[in-house]
Amino acid sequence: MVVCALLLLAGGVYASYLAFGLIQEHLTLARYGAAHEAFAFTAFLVLTQCMGNCFIALIALWAKKRRTGEPIAPAAPARSYLLMGTAYVGAMFCSNRALLYIDFPTQALSKSTKAIPVLLMSLMFGKHRKYSWEKILYVTVVTAAVSAFMIERTNRSSGGFSQSSSMGLFLIGGSLLLDGVTGLCQDHITDTYHEDSFRMMLGANLVSCILMSIGILVTGELRTAVQFCVRYPSVVPLLALFSLASACGQACIYAMITRFGVLTVTTVTTTRKFLTVLLSVLWFQHPLSPTQWLCVAAVFVGVALDLRRCSPGQAAKAAATHLRRSVWRKDK
């Protein structure tokens, strides 16, 4: 049952964020009206995404309250969510800002190593989570294989990376560091306060909404983005679908966090990027080099290694932990 739940949630992440990426690409690349205007309101798009996540989390918590009587308000204190939300927004800002200094392949390649800072933060500062050597080996193998695959793909398609400035790499380093802080906060909230997945989703995105709202009000982006939507109302349904896809993906992600931990989620999102590239290669029949096929094999060996850890005894332990968290919430 644990393996089935992991595969189901991972499939939800893959499907949701595939649709999310397609809608985002259409929004940002399309040109609107006779003036061929572009939708260039990144902060407004992030705010829309966070608002949709909050809305879906509230609906799920309201339905759960009617069924079980559990409260909607998160159990963790506000300061925990403030730190997590700030790190989450900061990671997104640094990642997007880095594109002003480095090209997209370099940025995507660097972000594919996200599992490493999450693992290091958990090992150095996590008080409750202890990872086996198998889990550490699994994360290392998958991250190294994805990175090698992306390097080989970039070298074959464009003849190598463009010159990357020190500022761009500094911003990517800051983004990865903040990703590690975000993962550490998520594990802390899950282990210490036994937080429900939708309550964690609500708390994190509510803080993100507040921070992003302040940002776009100060910069004036909110007014110009709303004016753009009024001029081109066809954008509004796309924004709604964009938010829905994001909310479905985040619901799966936070459910995975509470059941399997942040490191598993990070590895799933890393392999999602890898599988998207691999699907494109197979669909359009692009040839793969022997190095790339070796990377493909390494990723699937890593996945098999992690699934092997879900033995019947571990499955029972995971189910008991999830049940204990539910009982703890009801007692509160």
Protein backbone atom coordinates (compact mmCIF):
# COMPACT_ATOMS: atom_id res chain seq x y z
CA MET A 1 0.00 0.00 0.00
CA VAL A 2 2.85 2.42 0.77
CA VAL A 3 4.45 1.84 -2.63
CA CYS A 4 1.06 2.29 -4.35
CA ALA A 5 0.46 5.55 -2.46
CA LEU A 6 3.92 6.82 -3.41
CA LEU A 7 3.40 5.95 -7.08
CA LEU A 8 -0.07 7.52 -7.11
CA LEU A 9 1.13 10.76 -5.54
CA ALA A 10 4.20 10.89 -7.79
CA GLY A 11 1.94 10.40 -10.82
CA GLY A 12 -0.22 13.28 -9.63
CA VAL A 13 2.88 15.49 -9.34
CA TYR A 14 4.05 14.55 -12.84
CA ALA A 15 0.64 15.11 -14.49
CA SER A 16 -0.15 18.35 -12.65
CA TYR A 17 3.18 20.03 -13.28
CA LEU A 18 3.31 18.91 -16.90
CA ALA A 19 0.03 20.79 -17.45
CA PHE A 20 1.37 23.61 -15.26
CA GLY A 21 4.46 23.99 -17.44
CA LEU A 22 2.52 23.92 -20.70
CA ILE A 23 0.10 26.61 -19.52
CA GLN A 24 2.92 28.74 -18.14
CA GLU A 25 4.81 28.50 -21.42
CA HIS A 26 1.70 29.46 -23.39
CA LEU A 27 1.03 32.42 -21.11
CA THR A 28 4.55 33.81 -21.32
CA LEU A 29 5.28 33.11 -25.01
CA ALA A 30 1.93 34.09 -26.55
CA ARG A 31 1.41 37.58 -27.96
CA TYR A 32 -1.88 39.40 -27.44
CA GLY A 33 -3.69 42.03 -29.49
CA ALA A 34 -2.56 44.10 -32.46
CA ALA A 35 0.38 45.40 -30.43
CA HIS A 36 1.60 41.81 -29.81
CA GLU A 37 1.89 42.41 -26.08
CA ALA A 38 3.47 39.75 -23.88
CA PHE A 39 2.34 38.63 -20.43
CA ALA A 40 5.47 39.59 -18.48
CA PHE A 41 4.11 39.75 -14.92
CA THR A 42 6.06 37.03 -13.14
CA ALA A 43 5.30 38.18 -9.58
CA PHE A 44 1.58 38.44 -10.37
CA LEU A 45 1.70 34.93 -11.83
CA VAL A 46 3.32 33.60 -8.65
CA LEU A 47 0.70 35.38 -6.54
CA THR A 48 -2.09 33.82 -8.63
CA GLN A 49 -0.47 30.43 -8.13
CA CYS A 50 -0.27 30.85 -4.34
CA MET A 51 -3.87 32.10 -4.14
CA GLY A 52 -5.10 29.03 -6.02
CA ASN A 53 -3.14 26.80 -3.65
CA CYS A 54 -4.75 28.50 -0.64
CA PHE A 55 -8.22 28.14 -2.15
CA ILE A 56 -7.87 24.40 -2.81
CA ALA A 57 -6.37 23.84 0.66
CA LEU A 58 -9.27 25.70 2.30
CA ILE A 59 -11.86 23.64 0.40
CA ALA A 60 -10.14 20.39 1.41
CA LEU A 61 -9.85 21.45 5.07
CA TRP A 62 -13.48 22.64 5.17
CA ALA A 63 -14.67 19.29 3.79
CA LYS A 64 -12.49 17.43 6.30
CA LYS A 65 -13.83 19.56 9.16
CA ARG A 66 -17.42 18.70 8.24
CA ARG A 67 -16.52 15.02 8.13
CA THR A 68 -14.24 14.69 11.18
CA GLY A 69 -14.61 17.94 13.12
CA GLU A 70 -10.88 18.75 12.89
CA PRO A 71 -10.00 22.46 12.96
CA ILE A 72 -8.92 24.33 9.85
CA ALA A 73 -6.20 26.44 11.54
CA PRO A 74 -2.66 24.99 11.34
CA ALA A 75 -1.21 23.53 14.52
CA ALA A 76 2.30 24.93 14.00
CA PRO A 77 3.01 28.48 15.20
CA ALA A 78 2.98 31.36 12.73
CA ARG A 79 6.75 31.90 13.03
CA SER A 80 7.40 28.45 11.56
CA TYR A 81 5.30 29.25 8.49
CA LEU A 82 6.80 32.73 8.25
CA LEU A 83 10.29 31.25 7.97
CA MET A 84 9.20 28.58 5.50
CA GLY A 85 7.21 31.01 3.34
CA THR A 86 10.04 33.54 3.29
CA ALA A 87 12.57 30.88 2.25
CA TYR A 88 10.17 29.57 -0.42
CA VAL A 89 9.60 33.02 -1.96
CA GLY A 90 13.30 33.84 -1.70
CA ALA A 91 14.26 30.65 -3.55
CA MET A 92 11.85 31.48 -6.38
CA PHE A 93 13.11 35.07 -6.58
CA CYS A 94 16.78 34.04 -6.74
CA SER A 95 16.07 31.37 -9.33
CA ASN A 96 14.15 33.74 -11.63
CA ARG A 97 16.59 36.60 -11.08
CA ALA A 98 19.51 34.36 -12.04
CA LEU A 99 18.13 34.16 -15.60
CA LEU A 100 19.26 37.75 -16.09
CA TYR A 101 22.88 36.58 -15.80
CA ILE A 102 22.98 32.94 -16.95
CA ASP A 103 21.17 30.94 -19.62
CA PHE A 104 18.24 28.65 -18.91
CA PRO A 105 20.10 25.31 -19.39
CA THR A 106 22.64 26.36 -16.77
CA GLN A 107 19.88 27.39 -14.39
CA ALA A 108 17.87 24.18 -14.94
CA LEU A 109 20.97 22.04 -14.53
CA SER A 110 21.93 23.77 -11.29
CA LYS A 111 18.42 23.45 -9.86
CA SER A 112 18.36 19.73 -10.66
CA THR A 113 20.78 19.24 -7.74
CA LYS A 114 18.17 20.54 -5.28
CA ALA A 115 18.04 17.20 -3.45
CA ILE A 116 21.62 17.66 -2.24
CA PRO A 117 21.08 20.82 -0.11
CA VAL A 118 17.80 19.36 1.20
CA LEU A 119 19.66 16.21 2.27
CA LEU A 120 22.56 18.16 3.81
CA MET A 121 20.24 20.51 5.73
CA SER A 122 18.29 17.54 7.10
CA LEU A 123 21.45 15.71 8.14
CA MET A 124 23.05 18.78 9.79
CA PHE A 125 20.04 20.41 11.47
CA GLY A 126 17.19 17.89 11.40
CA LYS A 127 16.63 16.57 14.90
CA HIS A 128 14.04 13.93 14.11
CA ARG A 129 14.83 12.64 10.62
CA LYS A 130 17.61 10.11 10.13
CA TYR A 131 18.33 8.77 6.66
CA SER A 132 19.78 5.36 5.94
CA TRP A 133 22.85 4.98 3.75
CA GLU A 134 20.57 3.50 1.08
CA LYS A 135 18.50 6.69 0.95
CA ILE A 136 21.64 8.85 0.77
CA LEU A 137 23.03 6.65 -2.01
CA TYR A 138 19.72 6.80 -3.86
CA VAL A 139 19.59 10.61 -3.80
CA THR A 140 23.23 10.90 -4.84
CA VAL A 141 22.81 8.49 -7.76
CA VAL A 142 19.64 10.13 -9.08
CA THR A 143 20.99 13.70 -8.76
CA ALA A 144 24.30 12.81 -10.40
CA ALA A 145 22.56 10.94 -13.23
CA VAL A 146 20.12 13.78 -13.95
CA SER A 147 22.94 16.34 -13.92
CA ALA A 148 25.11 14.24 -16.26
CA PHE A 149 22.17 13.68 -18.61
CA MET A 150 21.43 17.42 -18.79
CA ILE A 151 25.12 18.29 -19.34
CA GLU A 152 25.42 15.79 -22.19
CA ARG A 153 22.15 16.99 -23.74
CA THR A 154 23.22 20.64 -23.58
CA ASN A 155 26.66 19.91 -25.04
CA ARG A 156 25.16 17.94 -27.93
CA SER A 157 22.43 20.49 -28.73
CA SER A 158 24.28 23.80 -28.38
CA GLY A 159 27.95 22.95 -28.32
CA GLY A 160 28.31 23.69 -24.60
CA PHE A 161 27.20 26.21 -22.01
CA SER A 162 27.37 29.94 -22.51
CA GLN A 163 29.49 32.11 -20.25
CA SER A 164 27.91 32.27 -16.78
CA SER A 165 28.55 35.27 -14.59
CA SER A 166 29.52 35.01 -10.95
CA MET A 167 26.33 36.89 -9.97
CA GLY A 168 24.12 34.33 -11.69
CA LEU A 169 25.86 31.42 -10.00
CA PHE A 170 25.72 33.27 -6.68
CA LEU A 171 21.93 33.65 -7.06
CA ILE A 172 21.55 29.96 -7.95
CA GLY A 173 23.59 29.08 -4.87
CA GLY A 174 21.28 31.26 -2.76
CA SER A 175 18.24 29.59 -4.31
CA LEU A 176 19.57 26.11 -3.53
CA LEU A 177 20.41 27.17 0.03
CA LEU A 178 16.88 28.52 0.53
CA ASP A 179 15.47 25.30 -0.96
CA GLY A 180 17.33 23.45 1.78
CA VAL A 181 15.92 25.80 4.44
CA THR A 182 12.40 25.31 3.05
CA GLY A 183 12.78 21.53 3.19
CA LEU A 184 14.14 21.70 6.73
CA CYS A 185 11.17 23.81 7.84
CA GLN A 186 8.73 21.39 6.22
CA ASP A 187 10.29 18.41 7.96
CA HIS A 188 10.33 20.30 11.29
CA ILE A 189 6.63 21.19 11.03
CA THR A 190 5.70 17.64 10.06
CA ASP A 191 7.76 15.91 12.76
CA THR A 192 7.22 18.37 15.62
CA TYR A 193 3.58 19.41 15.16
CA HIS A 194 2.33 16.42 13.14
CA GLU A 195 0.80 18.88 10.71
CA ASP A 196 -1.81 17.76 8.22
CA SER A 197 -0.72 18.11 4.59
CA PHE A 198 -3.46 20.59 3.64
CA ARG A 199 -2.85 22.70 6.77
CA MET A 200 0.82 22.92 5.85
CA MET A 201 -0.14 23.81 2.28
CA LEU A 202 -2.47 26.54 3.55
CA GLY A 203 0.03 28.02 6.00
CA ALA A 204 2.95 28.14 3.57
CA ASN A 205 0.97 29.62 0.69
CA LEU A 206 -0.82 32.14 2.91
CA VAL A 207 2.54 33.58 3.98
CA SER A 208 3.70 33.55 0.36
CA CYS A 209 0.54 35.41 -0.71
CA ILE A 210 1.14 38.13 1.88
CA LEU A 211 4.80 38.58 0.88
CA MET A 212 4.06 38.58 -2.86
CA SER A 213 1.16 41.01 -2.41
CA ILE A 214 3.42 43.46 -0.62
CA GLY A 215 5.99 43.10 -3.38
CA ILE A 216 3.68 43.73 -6.34
CA LEU A 217 1.95 46.61 -4.55
CA VAL A 218 5.29 48.31 -3.93
CA THR A 219 6.49 47.78 -7.51
CA GLY A 220 3.15 48.65 -9.11
CA GLU A 221 2.96 45.33 -10.98
CA LEU A 222 -0.52 44.56 -9.63
CA ARG A 223 -2.13 47.53 -11.39
CA THR A 224 -0.46 46.86 -14.75
CA ALA A 225 -1.23 43.12 -14.58
CA VAL A 226 -4.94 43.75 -13.85
CA GLN A 227 -5.08 46.26 -16.73
CA PHE A 228 -3.55 43.64 -19.02
CA CYS A 229 -6.20 41.09 -17.99
CA VAL A 230 -8.98 43.63 -18.62
CA ARG A 231 -7.61 44.34 -22.13
CA TYR A 232 -7.21 40.64 -22.93
CA PRO A 233 -9.85 38.63 -21.01
CA SER A 234 -8.74 35.39 -22.72
CA VAL A 235 -5.85 35.37 -20.24
CA VAL A 236 -8.16 34.90 -17.25
CA PRO A 237 -9.20 31.25 -17.98
CA LEU A 238 -5.53 30.38 -18.53
CA LEU A 239 -4.66 31.89 -15.16
CA ALA A 240 -7.44 29.84 -13.55
CA LEU A 241 -6.17 26.60 -15.16
CA PHE A 242 -2.61 27.54 -14.20
CA SER A 243 -3.63 27.95 -10.56
CA LEU A 244 -5.65 24.72 -10.59
CA ALA A 245 -2.75 22.69 -11.99
CA SER A 246 -0.41 24.19 -9.40
CA ALA A 247 -2.86 23.48 -6.56
CA CYS A 248 -3.32 19.83 -7.59
CA GLY A 249 0.45 19.38 -7.81
CA GLN A 250 1.03 21.01 -4.43
CA ALA A 251 -1.70 18.89 -2.82
CA CYS A 252 0.18 15.77 -3.96
CA ILE A 253 3.51 17.24 -2.84
CA TYR A 254 2.35 18.09 0.68
CA ALA A 255 0.65 14.71 1.03
CA MET A 256 4.01 13.14 0.12
CA ILE A 257 5.83 15.37 2.64
CA THR A 258 3.67 14.19 5.55
CA ARG A 259 3.95 10.52 4.55
CA PHE A 260 7.43 10.14 3.05
CA GLY A 261 9.43 13.27 3.93
CA VAL A 262 10.84 16.23 2.03
CA LEU A 263 13.79 14.32 0.53
CA THR A 264 11.49 11.89 -1.27
CA VAL A 265 9.45 14.80 -2.64
CA THR A 266 12.59 16.58 -3.84
CA THR A 267 13.77 13.46 -5.64
CA VAL A 268 10.35 13.02 -7.29
CA THR A 269 10.40 16.61 -8.56
CA THR A 270 13.97 16.13 -9.83
CA THR A 271 13.05 12.95 -11.71
CA ARG A 272 9.96 14.75 -13.08
CA LYS A 273 12.26 17.17 -14.89
CA PHE A 274 14.36 14.26 -16.09
CA LEU A 275 11.37 12.26 -17.34
CA THR A 276 10.01 15.32 -19.16
CA VAL A 277 13.29 15.65 -21.06
CA LEU A 278 13.43 11.89 -21.71
CA LEU A 279 9.81 11.84 -22.97
CA SER A 280 10.62 14.67 -25.37
CA VAL A 281 13.66 12.76 -26.65
CA LEU A 282 11.66 9.57 -27.22
CA TRP A 283 8.61 11.33 -28.69
CA PHE A 284 10.63 13.28 -31.28
CA GLN A 285 13.09 10.38 -31.79
CA HIS A 286 16.21 12.32 -30.86
CA PRO A 287 19.25 9.99 -30.65
CA LEU A 288 20.76 9.37 -27.21
CA SER A 289 24.47 8.94 -26.64
CA PRO A 290 25.80 5.95 -24.65
CA THR A 291 26.44 8.33 -21.73
CA GLN A 292 22.82 9.45 -21.74
CA TRP A 293 21.52 5.87 -21.82
CA LEU A 294 23.81 5.12 -18.86
CA CYS A 295 22.22 8.06 -17.01
CA VAL A 296 18.73 6.70 -17.82
CA ALA A 297 19.68 3.33 -16.37
CA ALA A 298 21.19 4.97 -13.27
CA VAL A 299 17.99 6.91 -12.55
CA PHE A 300 15.79 3.84 -12.75
CA VAL A 301 18.24 1.85 -10.61
CA GLY A 302 18.02 4.63 -8.03
CA VAL A 303 14.23 4.54 -8.11
CA ALA A 304 14.23 0.74 -7.72
CA LEU A 305 16.66 1.07 -4.80
CA ASP A 306 14.30 3.46 -3.00
CA LEU A 307 11.20 1.35 -3.69
CA ARG A 308 13.03 -1.70 -2.28
CA ARG A 309 13.18 0.13 1.04
CA CYS A 310 9.38 0.00 1.25
CA SER A 311 9.33 -3.52 2.66
CA PRO A 312 6.21 -4.87 4.41
CA GLY A 313 7.67 -3.98 7.81
CA GLN A 314 8.46 -0.45 6.75
CA ALA A 315 5.05 -0.10 5.14
CA ALA A 316 3.39 -1.06 8.42
CA LYS A 317 5.61 1.40 10.28
CA ALA A 318 4.75 4.22 7.87
CA ALA A 319 1.03 3.45 8.13
CA ALA A 320 1.24 3.42 11.93
CA THR A 321 3.05 6.78 11.92
CA HIS A 322 0.38 8.33 9.69
CA LEU A 323 -2.37 6.91 11.91
CA ARG A 324 -0.64 8.22 15.04
CA ARG A 325 -0.46 11.72 13.53
CA SER A 326 -4.19 11.62 12.75
CA VAL A 327 -5.02 10.52 16.32
CA TRP A 328 -2.75 13.27 17.73
CA ARG A 329 -4.64 15.90 15.71
CA LYS A 330 -8.00 14.64 17.00
CA ASP A 331 -6.80 14.69 20.61
CA LYS A 332 -5.70 18.27 20.18
